[in-house]
Amino acid sequence: MARRGGFSGGMPGNMNNLMKQAQRMQRQMEEKQKELEEKEYTAKSGGGAVEATVTGKKLLTKLTISPDALDPDDVEMLQDMIIVAVNEAINQAEEESDELMRGISSGLNVPF
């Protein structure tokens, strides 16, 4: 009599463990992502003349400009300092997010 393909009794043990690991990792990622979104990251440029704060969602929430940075004859310098500070704060948020996700995914034991 010919045997039918498939598994009796559901998923084999390794696949079941893999599914549990993936679900656990997904929960951890969701929790950590929420934590990251609520954090704030601050960066300065121009020796502290410009300070930018962004959230983990990469939204600018605060921008402080020192009165000393206001030079009507050099507006481009101020613009550059703002761009540098905002981009640095965003990079901080991205780096922390990437590091956290690498840490979570390193715990996943995927057989290849």
PDB file of N, CA and C in Angstrom:
ATOM      1  N   MET A   1       0.850  -1.165   0.000  1.00  0.00           N
ATOM      2  CA  MET A   1       0.000   0.000   0.000  1.00  0.00           C
ATOM      3  C   MET A   1       0.899   1.232   0.000  1.00  0.00           C
ATOM      4  N   ALA A   2       0.556   2.223  -0.764  1.00  0.00           N
ATOM      5  CA  ALA A   2       1.366   3.431  -0.882  1.00  0.00           C
ATOM      6  C   ALA A   2       1.180   4.311   0.347  1.00  0.00           C
ATOM      7  N   ARG A   3       2.291   4.951   0.748  1.00  0.00           N
ATOM      8  CA  ARG A   3       2.213   5.868   1.893  1.00  0.00           C
ATOM      9  C   ARG A   3       1.825   7.248   1.406  1.00  0.00           C
ATOM     10  N   ARG A   4       1.057   7.915   2.182  1.00  0.00           N
ATOM     11  CA  ARG A   4       0.682   9.285   1.853  1.00  0.00           C
ATOM     12  C   ARG A   4       1.700  10.230   2.470  1.00  0.00           C
ATOM     13  N   GLY A   5       1.974  11.316   1.787  1.00  0.00           N
ATOM     14  CA  GLY A   5       2.914  12.305   2.307  1.00  0.00           C
ATOM     15  C   GLY A   5       2.314  13.088   3.447  1.00  0.00           C
ATOM     16  N   GLY A   6       3.129  13.890   4.074  1.00  0.00           N
ATOM     17  CA  GLY A   6       2.638  14.740   5.154  1.00  0.00           C
ATOM     18  C   GLY A   6       3.105  14.248   6.504  1.00  0.00           C
ATOM     19  N   PHE A   7       2.767  15.007   7.494  1.00  0.00           N
ATOM     20  CA  PHE A   7       3.153  14.685   8.854  1.00  0.00           C
ATOM     21  C   PHE A   7       1.912  14.309   9.641  1.00  0.00           C
ATOM     22  N   SER A   8       2.029  13.326  10.454  1.00  0.00           N
ATOM     23  CA  SER A   8       0.911  12.998  11.336  1.00  0.00           C
ATOM     24  C   SER A   8       1.115  13.741  12.639  1.00  0.00           C
ATOM     25  N   GLY A   9       0.057  14.317  13.145  1.00  0.00           N
ATOM     26  CA  GLY A   9       0.150  14.979  14.439  1.00  0.00           C
ATOM     27  C   GLY A   9       0.662  16.405  14.364  1.00  0.00           C
ATOM     28  N   GLY A  10       0.670  17.060  13.226  1.00  0.00           N
ATOM     29  CA  GLY A  10       1.044  18.475  13.156  1.00  0.00           C
ATOM     30  C   GLY A  10       2.492  18.684  12.768  1.00  0.00           C
ATOM     31  N   MET A  11       3.030  19.837  13.199  1.00  0.00           N
ATOM     32  CA  MET A  11       4.383  20.228  12.817  1.00  0.00           C
ATOM     33  C   MET A  11       5.428  19.399  13.542  1.00  0.00           C
ATOM     34  N   PRO A  12       6.522  19.111  12.865  1.00  0.00           N
ATOM     35  CA  PRO A  12       7.610  18.437  13.563  1.00  0.00           C
ATOM     36  C   PRO A  12       8.189  19.370  14.629  1.00  0.00           C
ATOM     37  N   GLY A  13       8.894  18.803  15.585  1.00  0.00           N
ATOM     38  CA  GLY A  13       9.413  19.563  16.724  1.00  0.00           C
ATOM     39  C   GLY A  13      10.233  20.779  16.349  1.00  0.00           C
ATOM     40  N   ASN A  14      11.153  20.635  15.412  1.00  0.00           N
ATOM     41  CA  ASN A  14      12.003  21.764  15.039  1.00  0.00           C
ATOM     42  C   ASN A  14      11.193  22.909  14.457  1.00  0.00           C
ATOM     43  N   MET A  15      10.214  22.607  13.623  1.00  0.00           N
ATOM     44  CA  MET A  15       9.394  23.652  13.020  1.00  0.00           C
ATOM     45  C   MET A  15       8.544  24.329  14.086  1.00  0.00           C
ATOM     46  N   ASN A  16       8.036  23.562  15.016  1.00  0.00           N
ATOM     47  CA  ASN A  16       7.227  24.115  16.099  1.00  0.00           C
ATOM     48  C   ASN A  16       8.069  25.069  16.952  1.00  0.00           C
ATOM     49  N   ASN A  17       9.293  24.654  17.270  1.00  0.00           N
ATOM     50  CA  ASN A  17      10.196  25.516  18.045  1.00  0.00           C
ATOM     51  C   ASN A  17      10.528  26.789  17.279  1.00  0.00           C
ATOM     52  N   LEU A  18      10.737  26.662  15.989  1.00  0.00           N
ATOM     53  CA  LEU A  18      11.044  27.819  15.157  1.00  0.00           C
ATOM     54  C   LEU A  18       9.876  28.803  15.156  1.00  0.00           C
ATOM     55  N   MET A  19       8.665  28.310  15.068  1.00  0.00           N
ATOM     56  CA  MET A  19       7.484  29.174  15.089  1.00  0.00           C
ATOM     57  C   MET A  19       7.376  29.894  16.437  1.00  0.00           C
ATOM     58  N   LYS A  20       7.649  29.191  17.526  1.00  0.00           N
ATOM     59  CA  LYS A  20       7.597  29.803  18.850  1.00  0.00           C
ATOM     60  C   LYS A  20       8.661  30.898  18.971  1.00  0.00           C
ATOM     61  N   GLN A  21       9.859  30.626  18.452  1.00  0.00           N
ATOM     62  CA  GLN A  21      10.936  31.620  18.493  1.00  0.00           C
ATOM     63  C   GLN A  21      10.546  32.855  17.686  1.00  0.00           C
ATOM     64  N   ALA A  22       9.965  32.648  16.525  1.00  0.00           N
ATOM     65  CA  ALA A  22       9.567  33.766  15.667  1.00  0.00           C
ATOM     66  C   ALA A  22       8.489  34.605  16.347  1.00  0.00           C
ATOM     67  N   GLN A  23       7.521  33.964  16.980  1.00  0.00           N
ATOM     68  CA  GLN A  23       6.471  34.695  17.684  1.00  0.00           C
ATOM     69  C   GLN A  23       7.040  35.488  18.857  1.00  0.00           C
ATOM     70  N   ARG A  24       7.955  34.880  19.605  1.00  0.00           N
ATOM     71  CA  ARG A  24       8.594  35.554  20.735  1.00  0.00           C
ATOM     72  C   ARG A  24       9.399  36.755  20.235  1.00  0.00           C
ATOM     73  N   MET A  25      10.125  36.563  19.147  1.00  0.00           N
ATOM     74  CA  MET A  25      10.914  37.640  18.585  1.00  0.00           C
ATOM     75  C   MET A  25      10.012  38.787  18.114  1.00  0.00           C
ATOM     76  N   GLN A  26       8.889  38.454  17.508  1.00  0.00           N
ATOM     77  CA  GLN A  26       7.960  39.486  17.042  1.00  0.00           C
ATOM     78  C   GLN A  26       7.426  40.306  18.215  1.00  0.00           C
ATOM     79  N   ARG A  27       7.070  39.647  19.313  1.00  0.00           N
ATOM     80  CA  ARG A  27       6.588  40.365  20.497  1.00  0.00           C
ATOM     81  C   ARG A  27       7.676  41.285  21.051  1.00  0.00           C
ATOM     82  N   GLN A  28       8.906  40.768  21.122  1.00  0.00           N
ATOM     83  CA  GLN A  28      10.018  41.573  21.624  1.00  0.00           C
ATOM     84  C   GLN A  28      10.251  42.785  20.730  1.00  0.00           C
ATOM     85  N   MET A  29      10.202  42.580  19.427  1.00  0.00           N
ATOM     86  CA  MET A  29      10.423  43.679  18.493  1.00  0.00           C
ATOM     87  C   MET A  29       9.345  44.748  18.646  1.00  0.00           C
ATOM     88  N   GLU A  30       8.105  44.339  18.804  1.00  0.00           N
ATOM     89  CA  GLU A  30       7.016  45.302  18.976  1.00  0.00           C
ATOM     90  C   GLU A  30       7.191  46.110  20.260  1.00  0.00           C
ATOM     91  N   GLU A  31       7.569  45.438  21.343  1.00  0.00           N
ATOM     92  CA  GLU A  31       7.782  46.129  22.617  1.00  0.00           C
ATOM     93  C   GLU A  31       8.944  47.115  22.522  1.00  0.00           C
ATOM     94  N   LYS A  32      10.041  46.661  21.960  1.00  0.00           N
ATOM     95  CA  LYS A  32      11.223  47.522  21.858  1.00  0.00           C
ATOM     96  C   LYS A  32      10.982  48.681  20.889  1.00  0.00           C
ATOM     97  N   GLN A  33      10.249  48.421  19.813  1.00  0.00           N
ATOM     98  CA  GLN A  33       9.952  49.485  18.854  1.00  0.00           C
ATOM     99  C   GLN A  33       9.133  50.580  19.534  1.00  0.00           C
ATOM    100  N   LYS A  34       8.183  50.195  20.361  1.00  0.00           N
ATOM    101  CA  LYS A  34       7.380  51.181  21.079  1.00  0.00           C
ATOM    102  C   LYS A  34       8.265  52.002  22.018  1.00  0.00           C
ATOM    103  N   GLU A  35       9.174  51.324  22.731  1.00  0.00           N
ATOM    104  CA  GLU A  35      10.102  52.031  23.616  1.00  0.00           C
ATOM    105  C   GLU A  35      10.952  53.026  22.835  1.00  0.00           C
ATOM    106  N   LEU A  36      11.473  52.588  21.693  1.00  0.00           N
ATOM    107  CA  LEU A  36      12.316  53.460  20.875  1.00  0.00           C
ATOM    108  C   LEU A  36      11.550  54.673  20.366  1.00  0.00           C
ATOM    109  N   GLU A  37      10.304  54.462  19.969  1.00  0.00           N
ATOM    110  CA  GLU A  37       9.499  55.559  19.431  1.00  0.00           C
ATOM    111  C   GLU A  37       9.258  56.639  20.483  1.00  0.00           C
ATOM    112  N   GLU A  38       9.245  56.268  21.751  1.00  0.00           N
ATOM    113  CA  GLU A  38       8.990  57.224  22.826  1.00  0.00           C
ATOM    114  C   GLU A  38      10.257  57.938  23.293  1.00  0.00           C
ATOM    115  N   LYS A  39      11.429  57.417  22.943  1.00  0.00           N
ATOM    116  CA  LYS A  39      12.689  58.032  23.361  1.00  0.00           C
ATOM    117  C   LYS A  39      12.962  59.287  22.554  1.00  0.00           C
ATOM    118  N   GLU A  40      13.829  60.135  23.121  1.00  0.00           N
ATOM    119  CA  GLU A  40      14.268  61.331  22.414  1.00  0.00           C
ATOM    120  C   GLU A  40      15.784  61.294  22.248  1.00  0.00           C
ATOM    121  N   TYR A  41      16.240  61.849  21.151  1.00  0.00           N
ATOM    122  CA  TYR A  41      17.659  61.890  20.811  1.00  0.00           C
ATOM    123  C   TYR A  41      18.018  63.337  20.506  1.00  0.00           C
ATOM    124  N   THR A  42      19.090  63.821  21.122  1.00  0.00           N
ATOM    125  CA  THR A  42      19.491  65.212  20.964  1.00  0.00           C
ATOM    126  C   THR A  42      20.916  65.278  20.435  1.00  0.00           C
ATOM    127  N   ALA A  43      21.119  66.189  19.493  1.00  0.00           N
ATOM    128  CA  ALA A  43      22.452  66.406  18.937  1.00  0.00           C
ATOM    129  C   ALA A  43      22.688  67.908  18.802  1.00  0.00           C
ATOM    130  N   LYS A  44      23.960  68.282  18.862  1.00  0.00           N
ATOM    131  CA  LYS A  44      24.346  69.693  18.758  1.00  0.00           C
ATOM    132  C   LYS A  44      25.291  69.879  17.585  1.00  0.00           C
ATOM    133  N   SER A  45      25.336  71.103  17.089  1.00  0.00           N
ATOM    134  CA  SER A  45      26.317  71.450  16.057  1.00  0.00           C
ATOM    135  C   SER A  45      26.763  72.885  16.293  1.00  0.00           C
ATOM    136  N   GLY A  46      27.814  73.266  15.592  1.00  0.00           N
ATOM    137  CA  GLY A  46      28.326  74.629  15.740  1.00  0.00           C
ATOM    138  C   GLY A  46      28.789  74.921  17.153  1.00  0.00           C
ATOM    139  N   GLY A  47      29.413  73.927  17.791  1.00  0.00           N
ATOM    140  CA  GLY A  47      29.902  74.131  19.151  1.00  0.00           C
ATOM    141  C   GLY A  47      28.777  74.336  20.157  1.00  0.00           C
ATOM    142  N   GLY A  48      27.602  73.804  19.858  1.00  0.00           N
ATOM    143  CA  GLY A  48      26.464  73.942  20.758  1.00  0.00           C
ATOM    144  C   GLY A  48      25.536  75.086  20.390  1.00  0.00           C
ATOM    145  N   ALA A  49      25.832  75.779  19.292  1.00  0.00           N
ATOM    146  CA  ALA A  49      24.992  76.906  18.872  1.00  0.00           C
ATOM    147  C   ALA A  49      23.611  76.445  18.417  1.00  0.00           C
ATOM    148  N   VAL A  50      23.535  75.220  17.908  1.00  0.00           N
ATOM    149  CA  VAL A  50      22.259  74.651  17.460  1.00  0.00           C
ATOM    150  C   VAL A  50      22.092  73.294  18.125  1.00  0.00           C
ATOM    151  N   GLU A  51      20.899  73.061  18.668  1.00  0.00           N
ATOM    152  CA  GLU A  51      20.593  71.788  19.303  1.00  0.00           C
ATOM    153  C   GLU A  51      19.252  71.299  18.768  1.00  0.00           C
ATOM    154  N   ALA A  52      19.223  70.047  18.286  1.00  0.00           N
ATOM    155  CA  ALA A  52      18.004  69.467  17.735  1.00  0.00           C
ATOM    156  C   ALA A  52      17.644  68.207  18.508  1.00  0.00           C
ATOM    157  N   THR A  53      16.357  68.033  18.755  1.00  0.00           N
ATOM    158  CA  THR A  53      15.863  66.836  19.436  1.00  0.00           C
ATOM    159  C   THR A  53      14.814  66.185  18.550  1.00  0.00           C
ATOM    160  N   VAL A  54      14.974  64.859  18.342  1.00  0.00           N
ATOM    161  CA  VAL A  54      14.006  64.091  17.567  1.00  0.00           C
ATOM    162  C   VAL A  54      13.536  62.909  18.408  1.00  0.00           C
ATOM    163  N   THR A  55      12.384  62.373  18.042  1.00  0.00           N
ATOM    164  CA  THR A  55      11.879  61.176  18.709  1.00  0.00           C
ATOM    165  C   THR A  55      12.383  59.956  17.961  1.00  0.00           C
ATOM    166  N   GLY A  56      12.125  58.788  18.540  1.00  0.00           N
ATOM    167  CA  GLY A  56      12.467  57.537  17.870  1.00  0.00           C
ATOM    168  C   GLY A  56      11.688  57.356  16.580  1.00  0.00           C
ATOM    169  N   LYS A  57      10.597  58.095  16.420  1.00  0.00           N
ATOM    170  CA  LYS A  57       9.839  58.079  15.160  1.00  0.00           C
ATOM    171  C   LYS A  57      10.467  59.018  14.135  1.00  0.00           C
ATOM    172  N   LYS A  58      11.578  59.625  14.531  1.00  0.00           N
ATOM    173  CA  LYS A  58      12.341  60.545  13.683  1.00  0.00           C
ATOM    174  C   LYS A  58      11.573  61.819  13.364  1.00  0.00           C
ATOM    175  N   LEU A  59      10.838  62.302  14.371  1.00  0.00           N
ATOM    176  CA  LEU A  59      10.129  63.566  14.253  1.00  0.00           C
ATOM    177  C   LEU A  59      10.865  64.622  15.070  1.00  0.00           C
ATOM    178  N   LEU A  60      11.121  65.759  14.472  1.00  0.00           N
ATOM    179  CA  LEU A  60      11.785  66.858  15.152  1.00  0.00           C
ATOM    180  C   LEU A  60      10.810  67.443  16.172  1.00  0.00           C
ATOM    181  N   THR A  61      11.209  67.449  17.450  1.00  0.00           N
ATOM    182  CA  THR A  61      10.325  67.958  18.500  1.00  0.00           C
ATOM    183  C   THR A  61      10.847  69.238  19.141  1.00  0.00           C
ATOM    184  N   LYS A  62      12.132  69.498  18.975  1.00  0.00           N
ATOM    185  CA  LYS A  62      12.700  70.685  19.604  1.00  0.00           C
ATOM    186  C   LYS A  62      13.905  71.150  18.795  1.00  0.00           C
ATOM    187  N   LEU A  63      13.995  72.455  18.632  1.00  0.00           N
ATOM    188  CA  LEU A  63      15.136  73.055  17.947  1.00  0.00           C
ATOM    189  C   LEU A  63      15.515  74.309  18.719  1.00  0.00           C
ATOM    190  N   THR A  64      16.745  74.342  19.227  1.00  0.00           N
ATOM    191  CA  THR A  64      17.229  75.486  19.986  1.00  0.00           C
ATOM    192  C   THR A  64      18.376  76.124  19.228  1.00  0.00           C
ATOM    193  N   ILE A  65      18.277  77.430  19.055  1.00  0.00           N
ATOM    194  CA  ILE A  65      19.326  78.175  18.345  1.00  0.00           C
ATOM    195  C   ILE A  65      19.824  79.276  19.268  1.00  0.00           C
ATOM    196  N   SER A  66      21.110  79.270  19.511  1.00  0.00           N
ATOM    197  CA  SER A  66      21.724  80.294  20.343  1.00  0.00           C
ATOM    198  C   SER A  66      21.665  81.635  19.620  1.00  0.00           C
ATOM    199  N   PRO A  67      21.390  82.718  20.348  1.00  0.00           N
ATOM    200  CA  PRO A  67      21.394  84.047  19.713  1.00  0.00           C
ATOM    201  C   PRO A  67      22.739  84.374  19.048  1.00  0.00           C
ATOM    202  N   ASP A  68      23.814  83.775  19.579  1.00  0.00           N
ATOM    203  CA  ASP A  68      25.136  84.006  18.985  1.00  0.00           C
ATOM    204  C   ASP A  68      25.238  83.432  17.583  1.00  0.00           C
ATOM    205  N   ALA A  69      24.370  82.466  17.244  1.00  0.00           N
ATOM    206  CA  ALA A  69      24.422  81.827  15.926  1.00  0.00           C
ATOM    207  C   ALA A  69      23.709  82.650  14.865  1.00  0.00           C
ATOM    208  N   LEU A  70      23.006  83.705  15.290  1.00  0.00           N
ATOM    209  CA  LEU A  70      22.231  84.510  14.351  1.00  0.00           C
ATOM    210  C   LEU A  70      23.103  85.615  13.754  1.00  0.00           C
ATOM    211  N   ASP A  71      23.553  85.369  12.558  1.00  0.00           N
ATOM    212  CA  ASP A  71      24.357  86.343  11.826  1.00  0.00           C
ATOM    213  C   ASP A  71      23.643  86.612  10.508  1.00  0.00           C
ATOM    214  N   PRO A  72      23.018  87.771  10.372  1.00  0.00           N
ATOM    215  CA  PRO A  72      22.257  88.053   9.148  1.00  0.00           C
ATOM    216  C   PRO A  72      23.114  88.010   7.874  1.00  0.00           C
ATOM    217  N   ASP A  73      24.420  88.148   8.037  1.00  0.00           N
ATOM    218  CA  ASP A  73      25.293  88.097   6.870  1.00  0.00           C
ATOM    219  C   ASP A  73      25.721  86.667   6.519  1.00  0.00           C
ATOM    220  N   ASP A  74      25.356  85.695   7.347  1.00  0.00           N
ATOM    221  CA  ASP A  74      25.763  84.313   7.089  1.00  0.00           C
ATOM    222  C   ASP A  74      24.633  83.337   7.444  1.00  0.00           C
ATOM    223  N   VAL A  75      23.507  83.508   6.798  1.00  0.00           N
ATOM    224  CA  VAL A  75      22.342  82.659   7.039  1.00  0.00           C
ATOM    225  C   VAL A  75      22.645  81.216   6.638  1.00  0.00           C
ATOM    226  N   GLU A  76      23.438  81.029   5.609  1.00  0.00           N
ATOM    227  CA  GLU A  76      23.762  79.683   5.145  1.00  0.00           C
ATOM    228  C   GLU A  76      24.469  78.866   6.230  1.00  0.00           C
ATOM    229  N   MET A  77      25.300  79.483   7.011  1.00  0.00           N
ATOM    230  CA  MET A  77      25.996  78.780   8.093  1.00  0.00           C
ATOM    231  C   MET A  77      24.983  78.253   9.105  1.00  0.00           C
ATOM    232  N   LEU A  78      24.013  79.085   9.470  1.00  0.00           N
ATOM    233  CA  LEU A  78      22.984  78.655  10.412  1.00  0.00           C
ATOM    234  C   LEU A  78      22.174  77.507   9.824  1.00  0.00           C
ATOM    235  N   GLN A  79      21.825  77.609   8.564  1.00  0.00           N
ATOM    236  CA  GLN A  79      21.075  76.529   7.912  1.00  0.00           C
ATOM    237  C   GLN A  79      21.865  75.227   7.948  1.00  0.00           C
ATOM    238  N   ASP A  80      23.147  75.309   7.671  1.00  0.00           N
ATOM    239  CA  ASP A  80      23.998  74.117   7.694  1.00  0.00           C
ATOM    240  C   ASP A  80      24.068  73.514   9.098  1.00  0.00           C
ATOM    241  N   MET A  81      24.179  74.365  10.116  1.00  0.00           N
ATOM    242  CA  MET A  81      24.247  73.863  11.486  1.00  0.00           C
ATOM    243  C   MET A  81      22.944  73.165  11.872  1.00  0.00           C
ATOM    244  N   ILE A  82      21.820  73.691  11.421  1.00  0.00           N
ATOM    245  CA  ILE A  82      20.530  73.058  11.710  1.00  0.00           C
ATOM    246  C   ILE A  82      20.459  71.691  11.043  1.00  0.00           C
ATOM    247  N   ILE A  83      20.846  71.619   9.798  1.00  0.00           N
ATOM    248  CA  ILE A  83      20.818  70.347   9.070  1.00  0.00           C
ATOM    249  C   ILE A  83      21.712  69.317   9.748  1.00  0.00           C
ATOM    250  N   VAL A  84      22.909  69.724  10.133  1.00  0.00           N
ATOM    251  CA  VAL A  84      23.847  68.803  10.787  1.00  0.00           C
ATOM    252  C   VAL A  84      23.262  68.287  12.100  1.00  0.00           C
ATOM    253  N   ALA A  85      22.720  69.159  12.921  1.00  0.00           N
ATOM    254  CA  ALA A  85      22.181  68.746  14.219  1.00  0.00           C
ATOM    255  C   ALA A  85      20.990  67.806  14.052  1.00  0.00           C
ATOM    256  N   VAL A  86      20.073  68.137  13.148  1.00  0.00           N
ATOM    257  CA  VAL A  86      18.897  67.291  12.932  1.00  0.00           C
ATOM    258  C   VAL A  86      19.315  65.924  12.397  1.00  0.00           C
ATOM    259  N   ASN A  87      20.192  65.907  11.405  1.00  0.00           N
ATOM    260  CA  ASN A  87      20.624  64.629  10.835  1.00  0.00           C
ATOM    261  C   ASN A  87      21.367  63.773  11.864  1.00  0.00           C
ATOM    262  N   GLU A  88      22.165  64.382  12.707  1.00  0.00           N
ATOM    263  CA  GLU A  88      22.890  63.621  13.728  1.00  0.00           C
ATOM    264  C   GLU A  88      21.920  63.013  14.733  1.00  0.00           C
ATOM    265  N   ALA A  89      20.910  63.762  15.142  1.00  0.00           N
ATOM    266  CA  ALA A  89      19.913  63.223  16.079  1.00  0.00           C
ATOM    267  C   ALA A  89      19.155  62.058  15.440  1.00  0.00           C
ATOM    268  N   ILE A  90      18.804  62.191  14.176  1.00  0.00           N
ATOM    269  CA  ILE A  90      18.120  61.100  13.462  1.00  0.00           C
ATOM    270  C   ILE A  90      19.031  59.881  13.370  1.00  0.00           C
ATOM    271  N   ASN A  91      20.306  60.094  13.072  1.00  0.00           N
ATOM    272  CA  ASN A  91      21.261  58.975  13.001  1.00  0.00           C
ATOM    273  C   ASN A  91      21.370  58.255  14.342  1.00  0.00           C
ATOM    274  N   GLN A  92      21.349  58.997  15.449  1.00  0.00           N
ATOM    275  CA  GLN A  92      21.395  58.369  16.768  1.00  0.00           C
ATOM    276  C   GLN A  92      20.193  57.444  16.959  1.00  0.00           C
ATOM    277  N   ALA A  93      19.018  57.924  16.577  1.00  0.00           N
ATOM    278  CA  ALA A  93      17.802  57.115  16.713  1.00  0.00           C
ATOM    279  C   ALA A  93      17.880  55.862  15.847  1.00  0.00           C
ATOM    280  N   GLU A  94      18.353  56.013  14.616  1.00  0.00           N
ATOM    281  CA  GLU A  94      18.463  54.862  13.711  1.00  0.00           C
ATOM    282  C   GLU A  94      19.482  53.847  14.198  1.00  0.00           C
ATOM    283  N   GLU A  95      20.615  54.326  14.688  1.00  0.00           N
ATOM    284  CA  GLU A  95      21.651  53.412  15.175  1.00  0.00           C
ATOM    285  C   GLU A  95      21.162  52.603  16.366  1.00  0.00           C
ATOM    286  N   GLU A  96      20.461  53.254  17.292  1.00  0.00           N
ATOM    287  CA  GLU A  96      19.959  52.518  18.450  1.00  0.00           C
ATOM    288  C   GLU A  96      18.912  51.497  18.024  1.00  0.00           C
ATOM    289  N   SER A  97      18.065  51.872  17.086  1.00  0.00           N
ATOM    290  CA  SER A  97      17.045  50.946  16.583  1.00  0.00           C
ATOM    291  C   SER A  97      17.697  49.754  15.892  1.00  0.00           C
ATOM    292  N   ASP A  98      18.673  50.016  15.044  1.00  0.00           N
ATOM    293  CA  ASP A  98      19.370  48.927  14.344  1.00  0.00           C
ATOM    294  C   ASP A  98      20.064  47.987  15.325  1.00  0.00           C
ATOM    295  N   GLU A  99      20.730  48.566  16.329  1.00  0.00           N
ATOM    296  CA  GLU A  99      21.442  47.752  17.311  1.00  0.00           C
ATOM    297  C   GLU A  99      20.466  46.872  18.095  1.00  0.00           C
ATOM    298  N   LEU A 100      19.345  47.441  18.460  1.00  0.00           N
ATOM    299  CA  LEU A 100      18.343  46.685  19.206  1.00  0.00           C
ATOM    300  C   LEU A 100      17.789  45.541  18.372  1.00  0.00           C
ATOM    301  N   MET A 101      17.485  45.791  17.114  1.00  0.00           N
ATOM    302  CA  MET A 101      16.925  44.753  16.252  1.00  0.00           C
ATOM    303  C   MET A 101      17.945  43.638  15.984  1.00  0.00           C
ATOM    304  N   ARG A 102      19.212  44.004  15.848  1.00  0.00           N
ATOM    305  CA  ARG A 102      20.249  42.982  15.674  1.00  0.00           C
ATOM    306  C   ARG A 102      20.315  42.087  16.910  1.00  0.00           C
ATOM    307  N   GLY A 103      20.196  42.691  18.083  1.00  0.00           N
ATOM    308  CA  GLY A 103      20.238  41.928  19.316  1.00  0.00           C
ATOM    309  C   GLY A 103      19.084  40.951  19.425  1.00  0.00           C
ATOM    310  N   ILE A 104      17.904  41.388  19.022  1.00  0.00           N
ATOM    311  CA  ILE A 104      16.738  40.513  19.094  1.00  0.00           C
ATOM    312  C   ILE A 104      16.849  39.389  18.077  1.00  0.00           C
ATOM    313  N   SER A 105      17.218  39.721  16.848  1.00  0.00           N
ATOM    314  CA  SER A 105      17.263  38.703  15.796  1.00  0.00           C
ATOM    315  C   SER A 105      18.416  37.728  15.976  1.00  0.00           C
ATOM    316  N   SER A 106      19.447  38.102  16.726  1.00  0.00           N
ATOM    317  CA  SER A 106      20.563  37.174  16.930  1.00  0.00           C
ATOM    318  C   SER A 106      20.143  35.988  17.786  1.00  0.00           C
ATOM    319  N   GLY A 107      19.059  36.135  18.543  1.00  0.00           N
ATOM    320  CA  GLY A 107      18.576  35.042  19.372  1.00  0.00           C
ATOM    321  C   GLY A 107      17.768  34.012  18.612  1.00  0.00           C
ATOM    322  N   LEU A 108      17.483  34.305  17.355  1.00  0.00           N
ATOM    323  CA  LEU A 108      16.687  33.373  16.547  1.00  0.00           C
ATOM    324  C   LEU A 108      17.608  32.334  15.952  1.00  0.00           C
ATOM    325  N   ASN A 109      17.360  31.089  16.246  1.00  0.00           N
ATOM    326  CA  ASN A 109      18.194  29.978  15.777  1.00  0.00           C
ATOM    327  C   ASN A 109      17.551  29.351  14.546  1.00  0.00           C
ATOM    328  N   VAL A 110      17.958  29.835  13.367  1.00  0.00           N
ATOM    329  CA  VAL A 110      17.364  29.350  12.128  1.00  0.00           C
ATOM    330  C   VAL A 110      18.327  28.349  11.475  1.00  0.00           C
ATOM    331  N   PRO A 111      17.895  27.114  11.318  1.00  0.00           N
ATOM    332  CA  PRO A 111      18.771  26.121  10.670  1.00  0.00           C
ATOM    333  C   PRO A 111      18.777  26.294   9.153  1.00  0.00           C
ATOM    334  N   PHE A 112      19.953  26.345   8.562  1.00  0.00           N
ATOM    335  CA  PHE A 112      20.078  26.447   7.099  1.00  0.00           C
ATOM    336  C   PHE A 112      20.936  25.322   6.583  1.00  0.00           C
TER     337      PHE A 112
END
